[in-house]
Amino acid sequence: DLIITDWSMPGGSGLDLISEIHLEKALAKTAVVLVTSVPAGAKEGVAFKIGVDDLIVKPIQISQFVEKIEKVLQKLLSR
């Protein structure tokens, strides 16, 4: 129901992974949270355009992480 992935990964990017996830019918409605050290801003628009449900910028603060995950899970329940 929920995938949490990093923007930068060996051999590709989280954006590549998300694009592939959305091509699979069985995973098309899976929520995705992207974790990144890239500051929010210009690249954030790209992430949301390809279907990211939320973005978490490193360093991760636990309270922010929990809040964003809860928000995404609530969104899943309403789908």
C-alpha atoms as a PDB file:
ATOM      1  CA  ASP A   1       0.000   0.000   0.000  1.00  0.00           C
ATOM      2  CA  LEU A   2       2.902   2.358   0.677  1.00  0.00           C
ATOM      3  CA  ILE A   3       6.425   2.605  -0.706  1.00  0.00           C
ATOM      4  CA  ILE A   4       9.060   4.834   0.858  1.00  0.00           C
ATOM      5  CA  THR A   5      12.041   5.358  -1.422  1.00  0.00           C
ATOM      6  CA  ASP A   6      15.035   7.631  -1.657  1.00  0.00           C
ATOM      7  CA  TRP A   7      15.534  10.053  -4.541  1.00  0.00           C
ATOM      8  CA  SER A   8      19.160   8.952  -5.064  1.00  0.00           C
ATOM      9  CA  MET A   9      19.881   5.239  -5.292  1.00  0.00           C
ATOM     10  CA  PRO A  10      22.668   3.178  -6.825  1.00  0.00           C
ATOM     11  CA  GLY A  11      21.888   2.335 -10.435  1.00  0.00           C
ATOM     12  CA  GLY A  12      18.987   4.751 -10.828  1.00  0.00           C
ATOM     13  CA  SER A  13      16.806   7.196  -9.020  1.00  0.00           C
ATOM     14  CA  GLY A  14      13.686   7.060  -6.934  1.00  0.00           C
ATOM     15  CA  LEU A  15      11.963   8.909  -9.754  1.00  0.00           C
ATOM     16  CA  ASP A  16      12.825   6.058 -12.130  1.00  0.00           C
ATOM     17  CA  LEU A  17      11.470   3.550  -9.626  1.00  0.00           C
ATOM     18  CA  ILE A  18       8.241   5.500  -9.179  1.00  0.00           C
ATOM     19  CA  SER A  19       7.724   5.707 -12.932  1.00  0.00           C
ATOM     20  CA  GLU A  20       8.112   1.929 -13.173  1.00  0.00           C
ATOM     21  CA  ILE A  21       5.789   1.342 -10.213  1.00  0.00           C
ATOM     22  CA  HIS A  22       3.023   3.315 -11.888  1.00  0.00           C
ATOM     23  CA  LEU A  23       3.388   1.244 -15.080  1.00  0.00           C
ATOM     24  CA  GLU A  24       2.473  -1.931 -13.170  1.00  0.00           C
ATOM     25  CA  LYS A  25      -1.305  -2.264 -12.925  1.00  0.00           C
ATOM     26  CA  ALA A  26      -1.059  -4.106  -9.596  1.00  0.00           C
ATOM     27  CA  LEU A  27       0.971  -1.235  -8.109  1.00  0.00           C
ATOM     28  CA  ALA A  28      -0.602   1.716  -9.899  1.00  0.00           C
ATOM     29  CA  LYS A  29      -2.543   2.868  -6.824  1.00  0.00           C
ATOM     30  CA  THR A  30       0.326   2.340  -4.387  1.00  0.00           C
ATOM     31  CA  ALA A  31       1.178   5.470  -2.429  1.00  0.00           C
ATOM     32  CA  VAL A  32       4.778   6.658  -2.683  1.00  0.00           C
ATOM     33  CA  VAL A  33       6.760   8.852  -0.310  1.00  0.00           C
ATOM     34  CA  LEU A  34      10.069  10.133  -1.654  1.00  0.00           C
ATOM     35  CA  VAL A  35      12.933  10.866   0.729  1.00  0.00           C
ATOM     36  CA  THR A  36      15.612  13.255  -0.495  1.00  0.00           C
ATOM     37  CA  SER A  37      18.536  15.378   0.566  1.00  0.00           C
ATOM     38  CA  VAL A  38      17.700  17.706  -2.325  1.00  0.00           C
ATOM     39  CA  PRO A  39      16.047  20.821  -0.874  1.00  0.00           C
ATOM     40  CA  ALA A  40      12.367  21.230  -1.672  1.00  0.00           C
ATOM     41  CA  GLY A  41      11.777  23.540  -4.579  1.00  0.00           C
ATOM     42  CA  ALA A  42      12.311  23.095  -8.287  1.00  0.00           C
ATOM     43  CA  LYS A  43      12.703  19.317  -8.189  1.00  0.00           C
ATOM     44  CA  GLU A  44       9.672  18.974  -5.932  1.00  0.00           C
ATOM     45  CA  GLY A  45       7.392  19.782  -8.875  1.00  0.00           C
ATOM     46  CA  VAL A  46       8.930  16.958 -10.896  1.00  0.00           C
ATOM     47  CA  ALA A  47       8.333  14.500  -8.056  1.00  0.00           C
ATOM     48  CA  PHE A  48       4.668  15.390  -7.645  1.00  0.00           C
ATOM     49  CA  LYS A  49       4.143  15.390 -11.414  1.00  0.00           C
ATOM     50  CA  ILE A  50       5.188  11.739 -11.676  1.00  0.00           C
ATOM     51  CA  GLY A  51       2.913  10.693  -8.824  1.00  0.00           C
ATOM     52  CA  VAL A  52       4.710  11.090  -5.504  1.00  0.00           C
ATOM     53  CA  ASP A  53       2.196  11.390  -2.681  1.00  0.00           C
ATOM     54  CA  ASP A  54       4.578  13.276  -0.395  1.00  0.00           C
ATOM     55  CA  LEU A  55       8.200  14.333  -0.070  1.00  0.00           C
ATOM     56  CA  ILE A  56      10.427  14.200   3.016  1.00  0.00           C
ATOM     57  CA  VAL A  57      13.658  16.211   3.033  1.00  0.00           C
ATOM     58  CA  LYS A  58      16.673  14.896   4.940  1.00  0.00           C
ATOM     59  CA  PRO A  59      17.741  15.143   7.660  1.00  0.00           C
ATOM     60  CA  ILE A  60      14.534  13.405   8.677  1.00  0.00           C
ATOM     61  CA  GLN A  61      12.787  14.608  11.794  1.00  0.00           C
ATOM     62  CA  ILE A  62      10.751  11.779  13.276  1.00  0.00           C
ATOM     63  CA  SER A  63       7.740  13.987  14.040  1.00  0.00           C
ATOM     64  CA  GLN A  64       7.633  15.251  10.446  1.00  0.00           C
ATOM     65  CA  PHE A  65       8.098  11.704   9.103  1.00  0.00           C
ATOM     66  CA  VAL A  66       5.218  10.338  11.190  1.00  0.00           C
ATOM     67  CA  GLU A  67       2.970  13.273  10.250  1.00  0.00           C
ATOM     68  CA  LYS A  68       3.579  12.841   6.526  1.00  0.00           C
ATOM     69  CA  ILE A  69       3.161   9.058   6.607  1.00  0.00           C
ATOM     70  CA  GLU A  70      -0.108   9.395   8.554  1.00  0.00           C
ATOM     71  CA  LYS A  71      -1.344  11.934   5.997  1.00  0.00           C
ATOM     72  CA  VAL A  72      -0.538   9.622   3.100  1.00  0.00           C
ATOM     73  CA  LEU A  73      -2.161   6.646   4.827  1.00  0.00           C
ATOM     74  CA  GLN A  74      -5.331   8.684   5.453  1.00  0.00           C
ATOM     75  CA  LYS A  75      -5.351   9.570   1.765  1.00  0.00           C
ATOM     76  CA  LEU A  76      -5.058   5.852   0.930  1.00  0.00           C
ATOM     77  CA  LEU A  77      -8.078   5.050   3.078  1.00  0.00           C
ATOM     78  CA  SER A  78     -10.171   7.580   1.201  1.00  0.00           C
ATOM     79  CA  ARG A  79      -9.295   6.151  -2.267  1.00  0.00           C
END
